[in-house]
Protein backbone atom coordinates (compact mmCIF):
# COMPACT_ATOMS: atom_id res chain seq x y z
CA MET A 1 83.62 149.36 116.19
CA VAL A 2 83.67 145.86 116.71
CA ASN A 3 80.28 143.91 115.91
CA LYS A 4 80.71 140.67 118.12
CA ASP A 5 77.70 139.06 116.76
CA ARG A 6 78.83 139.11 113.12
CA LEU A 7 82.16 138.04 113.97
CA PHE A 8 80.67 135.48 115.97
CA TYR A 9 78.35 134.14 113.06
CA GLY A 10 81.03 134.61 110.80
CA SER A 11 83.27 132.03 112.96
CA CYS A 12 80.41 129.61 113.03
CA PHE A 13 80.08 129.47 109.28
CA ALA A 14 84.24 129.10 109.10
CA LEU A 15 83.63 126.18 111.40
CA ILE A 16 81.06 124.69 109.53
CA THR A 17 83.39 124.86 106.16
CA THR A 18 85.81 122.94 108.45
CA ALA A 19 83.11 120.34 109.45
CA PHE A 20 82.02 119.89 105.75
CA SER A 21 85.82 119.19 104.84
CA PHE A 22 85.71 116.59 107.58
CA SER A 23 82.62 114.94 106.91
CA ILE A 24 82.33 114.77 103.49
CA ARG A 25 85.70 113.71 103.04
CA ALA A 26 85.02 110.74 105.38
CA GLY A 27 81.77 110.04 103.21
CA ILE A 28 83.62 109.94 99.69
CA LEU A 29 86.64 107.99 101.01
CA ALA A 30 85.04 104.47 99.87
CA GLN A 31 84.44 105.98 96.34
CA LEU A 32 88.23 107.52 96.27
CA GLY A 33 89.42 103.83 97.19
CA THR A 34 87.53 102.06 94.66
CA GLN A 35 87.68 104.56 91.81
CA TYR A 36 91.50 105.01 92.07
CA ASN A 37 92.65 101.71 93.66
CA PHE A 38 94.04 103.54 96.96
CA THR A 39 95.00 101.04 99.78
CA ALA A 40 93.73 102.25 103.32
CA GLU A 41 97.14 103.23 104.10
CA GLN A 42 97.31 105.76 101.10
CA LEU A 43 93.72 106.87 102.12
CA GLY A 44 94.97 107.46 105.65
CA THR A 45 98.03 109.18 104.30
CA ILE A 46 95.71 111.68 102.42
CA ASN A 47 93.50 112.17 105.61
CA SER A 48 96.70 112.90 107.56
CA MET A 49 97.31 116.03 105.28
CA TRP A 50 94.27 117.49 106.65
CA PHE A 51 95.27 116.98 110.28
CA LEU A 52 98.78 117.95 109.51
CA GLY A 53 98.11 121.51 107.86
CA PHE A 54 95.57 122.22 110.89
CA PRO A 55 98.30 122.36 113.48
CA ILE A 56 100.85 124.04 111.34
CA SER A 57 98.66 126.93 110.62
CA MET A 58 97.15 127.10 114.21
CA ILE A 59 100.71 127.38 115.54
CA VAL A 60 101.98 130.08 113.12
CA GLY A 61 98.59 131.77 113.44
CA GLY A 62 98.83 132.01 117.40
CA LEU A 63 102.41 133.29 117.03
CA ILE A 64 101.56 136.00 114.59
CA TYR A 65 98.02 136.63 116.13
CA ASN A 66 98.84 140.01 117.95
CA THR A 67 101.09 140.97 115.18
CA VAL A 68 99.07 140.80 112.16
CA GLY A 69 95.64 140.45 113.58
CA GLY A 70 92.56 137.80 113.46
CA LYS A 71 91.37 139.53 110.14
CA THR A 72 94.50 138.74 108.28
CA ILE A 73 94.70 135.16 109.35
CA MET A 74 91.28 134.67 108.07
CA GLN A 75 91.71 136.14 104.51
CA PHE A 76 94.67 133.47 104.70
CA ALA A 77 91.79 131.04 105.73
CA LEU A 78 89.48 131.98 102.78
CA PHE A 79 92.22 131.74 99.93
CA ALA A 80 93.50 128.19 101.24
CA HIS A 81 89.95 127.05 101.45
CA ALA A 82 88.65 128.15 98.01
CA VAL A 83 91.99 126.97 96.30
CA GLY A 84 92.22 123.51 98.14
CA ILE A 85 88.40 122.97 97.38
CA LEU A 86 89.09 123.65 93.86
CA LEU A 87 92.36 121.50 93.58
CA THR A 88 90.33 118.63 95.19
CA ILE A 89 87.36 118.85 92.51
CA PHE A 90 90.15 118.97 89.59
CA SER A 91 92.42 116.63 90.99
CA GLY A 92 91.61 113.79 88.39
CA GLY A 93 92.28 111.02 91.45
CA SER A 94 95.85 112.47 91.39
CA TYR A 95 97.52 111.11 94.67
CA THR A 96 100.05 113.96 94.69
CA THR A 97 97.40 116.49 93.96
CA LEU A 98 94.94 115.18 96.69
CA LEU A 99 97.95 115.22 99.18
CA ILE A 100 98.25 119.16 98.21
CA SER A 101 94.61 120.08 98.07
CA THR A 102 94.16 118.32 101.54
CA LEU A 103 97.00 120.02 103.05
CA LEU A 104 95.71 123.47 102.01
CA ILE A 105 92.36 122.48 103.29
CA GLY A 106 93.70 121.72 106.81
CA LEU A 107 95.92 125.05 106.71
CA ALA A 108 92.66 127.07 106.41
CA ASN A 109 91.05 125.33 108.97
CA GLY A 110 93.69 125.72 111.44
CA CYS A 111 93.53 129.60 110.64
CA THR A 112 89.73 129.33 111.51
CA GLU A 113 90.56 127.86 115.04
CA ALA A 114 94.00 130.45 115.54
CA ALA A 115 91.90 133.61 114.77
CA CYS A 116 88.20 132.75 115.97
CA ASN A 117 89.24 131.09 119.51
CA PRO A 118 91.11 134.27 120.71
CA MET A 119 88.59 136.30 119.08
CA ILE A 120 85.77 134.89 121.06
CA ALA A 121 87.83 134.84 124.08
CA ASP A 122 88.42 138.56 123.92
CA SER A 123 84.98 139.21 123.07
CA TYR A 124 83.28 137.47 126.12
CA GLU A 125 83.92 137.24 130.22
CA GLY A 126 84.09 134.28 132.39
CA ASN A 127 81.52 131.70 132.19
CA LYS A 128 79.97 133.90 129.17
CA MET A 129 83.08 133.19 127.37
CA SER A 130 83.42 129.32 128.16
CA ALA A 131 79.80 129.02 126.91
CA MET A 132 80.34 130.98 123.55
CA LEU A 133 83.29 129.02 123.07
CA ASN A 134 81.20 125.56 123.43
CA LYS A 135 78.19 127.14 120.99
CA PHE A 136 81.26 128.14 118.36
CA HIS A 137 82.49 124.54 118.53
CA MET A 138 79.06 123.18 118.42
CA TRP A 139 79.32 124.06 114.62
CA PHE A 140 81.97 121.39 114.19
CA PRO A 141 79.68 118.59 115.08
CA GLY A 142 76.56 120.52 114.00
CA GLY A 143 78.21 120.93 110.28
CA ILE A 144 79.33 117.11 110.58
CA VAL A 145 75.71 116.09 110.91
CA ILE A 146 74.69 118.38 108.12
CA GLY A 147 77.49 117.17 105.55
CA ALA A 148 77.33 113.56 106.48
CA LEU A 149 73.54 113.67 105.67
CA ILE A 150 74.50 115.55 102.37
CA SER A 151 77.11 113.03 101.47
CA LYS A 152 75.02 110.23 102.36
CA PHE A 153 72.14 111.55 99.94
CA MET A 154 74.23 112.35 97.23
CA THR A 155 76.01 109.30 97.16
CA GLU A 156 72.80 107.50 97.22
CA ALA A 157 71.70 109.56 94.43
CA ASN A 158 74.89 108.41 92.59
CA LEU A 159 76.35 111.76 92.42
CA GLY A 160 79.94 111.91 91.95
CA TRP A 161 82.31 112.78 94.93
CA GLU A 162 83.62 115.81 92.75
CA ALA A 163 79.88 117.15 93.22
CA GLN A 164 79.98 116.65 96.96
CA ILE A 165 83.27 118.71 97.34
CA TRP A 166 81.41 121.52 95.64
CA VAL A 167 79.14 121.72 98.65
CA ILE A 168 81.98 122.94 101.01
CA MET A 169 82.17 126.17 98.80
CA ILE A 170 78.72 127.11 100.12
CA PRO A 171 79.71 128.16 103.93
CA THR A 172 83.33 129.45 102.53
CA ILE A 173 81.47 132.12 100.44
CA ILE A 174 79.23 132.86 103.39
CA TYR A 175 81.76 133.55 106.06
CA ALA A 176 83.59 135.46 103.50
CA TYR A 177 80.88 137.83 103.57
CA LEU A 178 80.32 138.14 107.16
CA PHE A 179 83.85 138.77 108.12
CA TRP A 180 84.30 141.35 105.18
CA GLY A 181 85.32 144.76 106.38
CA GLN A 182 84.90 143.57 110.16
CA ALA A 183 87.27 145.01 112.99
CA PHE A 184 88.58 142.25 115.54
CA PRO A 185 88.45 142.81 119.30
CA LYS A 186 91.79 143.73 121.24
CA PRO A 187 93.20 141.21 123.81
CA LYS A 188 91.47 141.92 127.31
CA ASN A 189 94.62 140.47 129.00
CA ALA A 190 97.97 142.38 128.86
CA ALA A 191 99.97 139.57 129.64
CA ALA A 192 98.32 137.66 126.68
CA ALA A 193 99.42 140.05 124.28
CA SER A 194 103.11 139.32 125.19
CA ILE A 195 105.00 136.18 123.29
CA SER A 196 107.37 136.15 126.15
CA GLU A 197 104.71 136.03 128.86
CA ASN A 198 102.88 133.46 126.27
CA PHE A 199 105.88 131.09 126.29
CA LYS A 200 106.74 131.60 130.29
CA ALA A 201 102.77 130.33 130.99
CA MET A 202 103.12 127.50 128.55
CA LEU A 203 106.12 126.25 130.17
CA SER A 204 104.27 125.66 133.48
CA PRO A 205 103.30 122.27 134.83
CA LEU A 206 99.70 122.75 134.22
CA PHE A 207 99.91 123.52 130.66
CA LEU A 208 102.44 120.99 129.80
CA PHE A 209 99.70 118.44 131.25
CA MET A 210 97.14 119.67 129.35
CA PHE A 211 99.33 119.55 126.12
CA ALA A 212 99.89 115.72 126.73
CA CYS A 213 96.16 115.19 127.47
CA MET A 214 95.08 116.99 124.44
CA ALA A 215 96.77 114.74 122.13
CA LEU A 216 94.82 111.99 123.60
CA THR A 217 91.35 113.76 123.57
CA ALA A 218 91.78 114.69 119.73
CA ILE A 219 92.66 111.28 118.54
CA SER A 220 89.85 109.75 120.88
CA GLU A 221 87.53 112.28 119.12
CA PHE A 222 88.89 112.32 115.54
CA GLY A 223 90.16 108.73 114.93
CA PRO A 224 86.78 106.80 115.12
CA GLN A 225 84.89 109.37 113.26
CA GLN A 226 87.19 110.21 110.31
CA TRP A 227 87.37 106.42 109.60
CA VAL A 228 83.65 105.54 110.29
CA GLY A 229 82.84 105.00 106.93
CA LEU A 230 85.31 101.89 106.75
CA ILE A 231 85.40 100.61 109.99
CA LEU A 232 81.81 100.12 110.45
CA SER A 233 80.67 99.48 106.90
CA LYS A 234 79.47 95.92 107.66
CA SER A 235 78.18 96.38 111.03
CA GLY A 236 74.67 96.27 110.08
CA ALA A 237 74.33 99.94 110.97
CA ASP A 238 74.44 102.86 108.60
CA PRO A 239 77.96 104.50 108.76
CA MET A 240 76.80 107.82 107.68
CA LEU A 241 73.87 107.80 110.21
CA LEU A 242 76.42 106.68 112.97
CA LEU A 243 78.55 109.83 112.18
CA ALA A 244 75.31 112.10 112.08
CA ILE A 245 73.83 110.81 115.33
CA THR A 246 77.62 111.14 116.98
CA THR A 247 77.91 114.59 115.74
CA GLY A 248 74.22 115.85 116.28
CA THR A 249 74.61 114.47 119.96
CA MET A 250 77.61 116.49 120.14
CA ALA A 251 76.14 119.70 118.74
CA VAL A 252 73.31 119.66 121.23
CA ALA A 253 75.47 118.92 124.12
CA ARG A 254 77.81 121.93 123.26
CA TYR A 255 74.77 124.08 122.85
CA PHE A 256 73.88 123.48 126.40
CA ALA A 257 77.35 123.34 128.00
CA GLY A 258 76.90 126.43 130.19
CA PRO A 259 74.85 125.09 132.77
CA VAL A 260 76.73 121.88 132.93
CA ILE A 261 80.42 123.89 133.27
CA HIS A 262 78.68 125.91 136.01
CA LYS A 263 77.45 122.86 137.99
CA ILE A 264 80.42 120.54 137.75
CA ASP A 265 83.44 122.93 136.28
CA GLN A 266 85.54 122.04 133.28
CA THR A 267 87.70 119.53 135.07
CA GLY A 268 84.58 117.57 136.15
CA VAL A 269 83.18 117.89 132.69
CA LEU A 270 86.36 116.48 131.07
CA LEU A 271 86.46 113.37 133.57
CA ALA A 272 83.02 112.66 133.02
CA SER A 273 83.80 112.93 129.06
CA ALA A 274 86.53 110.32 129.35
CA ILE A 275 84.44 107.74 131.10
CA LEU A 276 81.61 108.07 128.56
CA ALA A 277 84.15 108.03 125.60
CA THR A 278 85.61 104.86 126.91
CA ILE A 279 82.22 103.03 127.30
CA GLY A 280 81.17 104.09 124.19
CA LEU A 281 83.91 103.16 121.93
CA PHE A 282 84.07 99.63 123.74
CA LEU A 283 80.42 99.51 122.92
CA LEU A 284 81.05 100.27 119.32
CA SER A 285 83.74 97.63 118.97
CA LYS A 286 81.20 94.76 120.11
CA VAL A 287 77.88 95.62 118.87
CA THR A 288 76.21 95.34 115.80
CA GLY A 289 72.86 96.36 114.13
CA GLY A 290 70.63 98.86 115.69
CA THR A 291 72.58 98.76 119.25
CA ALA A 292 75.44 100.64 117.39
CA TYR A 293 73.02 103.73 117.35
CA ALA A 294 72.78 103.44 121.05
CA ALA A 295 76.50 102.93 121.42
CA ALA A 296 77.07 105.83 119.39
CA PHE A 297 74.99 108.20 121.54
CA VAL A 298 77.08 107.10 124.38
CA TYR A 299 80.36 107.68 122.65
CA ALA A 300 79.07 111.26 121.57
CA CYS A 301 78.21 112.26 124.84
CA GLY A 302 81.82 111.65 125.99
CA ILE A 303 83.76 113.35 123.38
CA ALA A 304 81.28 116.18 123.34
CA TYR A 305 82.94 118.50 125.48
CA PHE A 306 86.76 117.36 124.91
CA TRP A 307 87.85 120.10 122.34
CA PRO A 308 86.02 123.42 123.28
CA ASN A 309 86.75 122.57 127.26
CA MET A 310 90.48 121.72 126.85
CA VAL A 311 90.58 125.03 124.88
CA GLY A 312 88.37 127.00 127.45
CA PHE A 313 90.39 125.42 130.51
CA VAL A 314 93.39 127.00 128.93
CA ALA A 315 92.08 130.57 128.29
CA GLU A 316 90.33 130.38 131.71
CA LYS A 317 93.09 128.76 133.94
CA ILE A 318 96.31 129.72 132.12
CA PRO A 319 94.97 133.21 130.54
CA ALA A 320 98.75 134.36 130.29
CA SER A 321 99.35 131.82 127.42
CA GLY A 322 97.17 134.03 125.21
CA ALA A 323 95.94 133.14 121.67
CA LEU A 324 99.42 131.47 121.28
CA GLY A 325 98.31 128.93 124.14
CA MET A 326 95.20 128.31 122.77
CA SER A 327 96.64 127.76 119.30
CA VAL A 328 99.43 125.26 120.55
CA ILE A 329 96.76 123.17 122.72
CA GLY A 330 94.49 122.92 119.55
CA GLY A 331 97.68 122.16 117.31
CA VAL A 332 98.97 119.46 119.26
CA GLY A 333 95.48 117.92 118.92
CA MET A 334 95.47 117.97 115.33
CA PHE A 335 99.12 116.89 115.24
CA SER A 336 98.32 113.87 117.07
CA SER A 337 95.39 112.96 114.98
CA SER A 338 97.75 113.60 111.68
CA ILE A 339 100.29 111.18 113.11
CA PHE A 340 97.57 108.54 113.96
CA GLN A 341 95.73 108.64 110.52
CA PRO A 342 98.03 106.26 108.59
CA ILE A 343 98.53 104.13 111.72
CA ILE A 344 94.95 103.45 111.86
CA GLY A 345 94.64 102.84 108.19
CA LYS A 346 97.56 100.31 108.79
CA TRP A 347 95.65 98.81 111.73
CA ILE A 348 92.67 98.22 109.39
CA ASP A 349 95.06 96.76 106.72
CA ASN A 350 96.76 94.30 109.30
CA ALA A 351 93.24 93.25 110.95
CA ARG A 352 92.02 92.46 107.48
CA THR A 353 94.89 90.07 107.17
CA GLU A 354 94.23 88.80 110.45
CA ALA A 355 90.61 88.25 109.89
CA ALA A 356 91.65 86.70 106.27
CA ALA A 357 94.06 84.15 107.78
CA GLN A 358 91.06 82.97 109.97
CA ASN A 359 89.32 81.90 106.93
CA LEU A 360 86.84 85.06 107.33
CA THR A 361 85.60 86.55 103.86
CA GLY A 362 83.37 89.50 102.64
CA ASP A 363 81.34 91.18 105.21
CA ALA A 364 82.41 89.09 108.24
CA LEU A 365 86.01 90.17 107.25
CA GLU A 366 85.16 93.72 107.33
CA LEU A 367 83.36 93.58 110.46
CA ALA A 368 86.10 91.53 112.21
CA ALA A 369 88.67 94.19 111.09
CA GLY A 370 86.61 96.98 111.91
CA GLN A 371 85.57 96.18 115.28
CA SER A 372 89.50 94.94 115.90
CA THR A 373 90.45 98.58 114.98
CA LEU A 374 88.05 100.18 117.49
CA SER A 375 89.03 97.94 120.48
CA THR A 376 92.53 99.02 119.68
CA MET A 377 91.39 102.77 119.93
CA VAL A 378 89.45 102.33 123.27
CA THR A 379 93.16 102.85 124.98
CA PHE A 380 93.14 106.45 124.23
CA PRO A 381 90.13 107.45 126.39
CA ALA A 382 91.04 104.78 128.85
CA ILE A 383 94.27 106.51 129.77
CA LEU A 384 92.37 109.96 129.83
CA ILE A 385 90.16 108.66 132.69
CA VAL A 386 93.39 108.31 134.82
CA ALA A 387 94.80 111.93 133.32
CA PHE A 388 91.55 113.44 134.22
CA VAL A 389 91.45 112.10 137.81
CA ILE A 390 94.85 113.61 138.62
CA LEU A 391 93.67 117.06 136.93
CA TYR A 392 90.61 117.04 138.86
CA PHE A 393 92.16 116.85 142.50
CA TRP A 394 95.21 118.86 141.11
CA VAL A 395 93.16 121.71 140.29
CA LYS A 396 90.65 121.31 143.23
CA LYS A 397 93.75 121.21 145.76
CA LYS A 398 94.82 124.67 144.02
């Protein structure tokens, strides 16, 4: 007997674990850099392990989902989460150990997506399926809000970064309990259960187009958020509050996604999202002080629907791609983010050098470097505006 509610709640807590590993790590980047003299590029490389592990396990999980089942994949997720968290805490600041532990956490996070996305898609039908996928993915930004506030308060209380990492273990234990002994639903689409049919569907022009778009939607979302603590540390706005506002807005938007999708369809939602994300990120690269909070709200409204509706689009419009198709789409998003993490770190280092050459120092130097980096990042969602205009008319024509 499949207990859909318990499986769904277990999925949500697993995604909260993923979110905590994202936001709390973002909150401790400055501490790690100061305590162990890591450069921004080194911190970016550590970050990249989180994003690299994600697509590896997502794609492998998608390939074996129909064979081993979602339950086995989530058992590995639990193992990798627990070991990765403990290795991080007891790393002693070892660069190599932090790389390995962050990779393990990334692998666990990817398993969560690989198992839970198809499980939810197989549990619900039509618009209900899209709505539930959005509600599931609500807990990534929702968990980031909680994690960001926890990190902020613990940092202000002078609690070490190790204590903050321990917090990630709490939702890990909860999802382990909720999944314990539960059966996962069978694939509802016969073609989706065939790997050969999955690959055939994934070679279609529409899937390949979405594959390329996913790389840009993911970095538009994860690039600015992961580096907010360093990029906007001297903007006059609190970086972790900016992260909390961004992700809190995303969580609310995803919770109420059902009526929005029903009204303008997924393609209309994706186009509107690209426009808002471009405007919001541009504003963040220009404004300072309290105005940055308003810019963060606009940016959040843009990126809120990217991830769940890219996955939902594939599940609904290319159903024969199955669990593998959803995993590959998510995987390319995280792989793109992995590639760009050290690149963004290098952009920051270069921007600092350029600002120093202009005789800027202290807070003025950090602000100029951060805004310059954000200006470069605006390119990602701007390209998506063109791509989603094409998608909108392509799908409408068909």
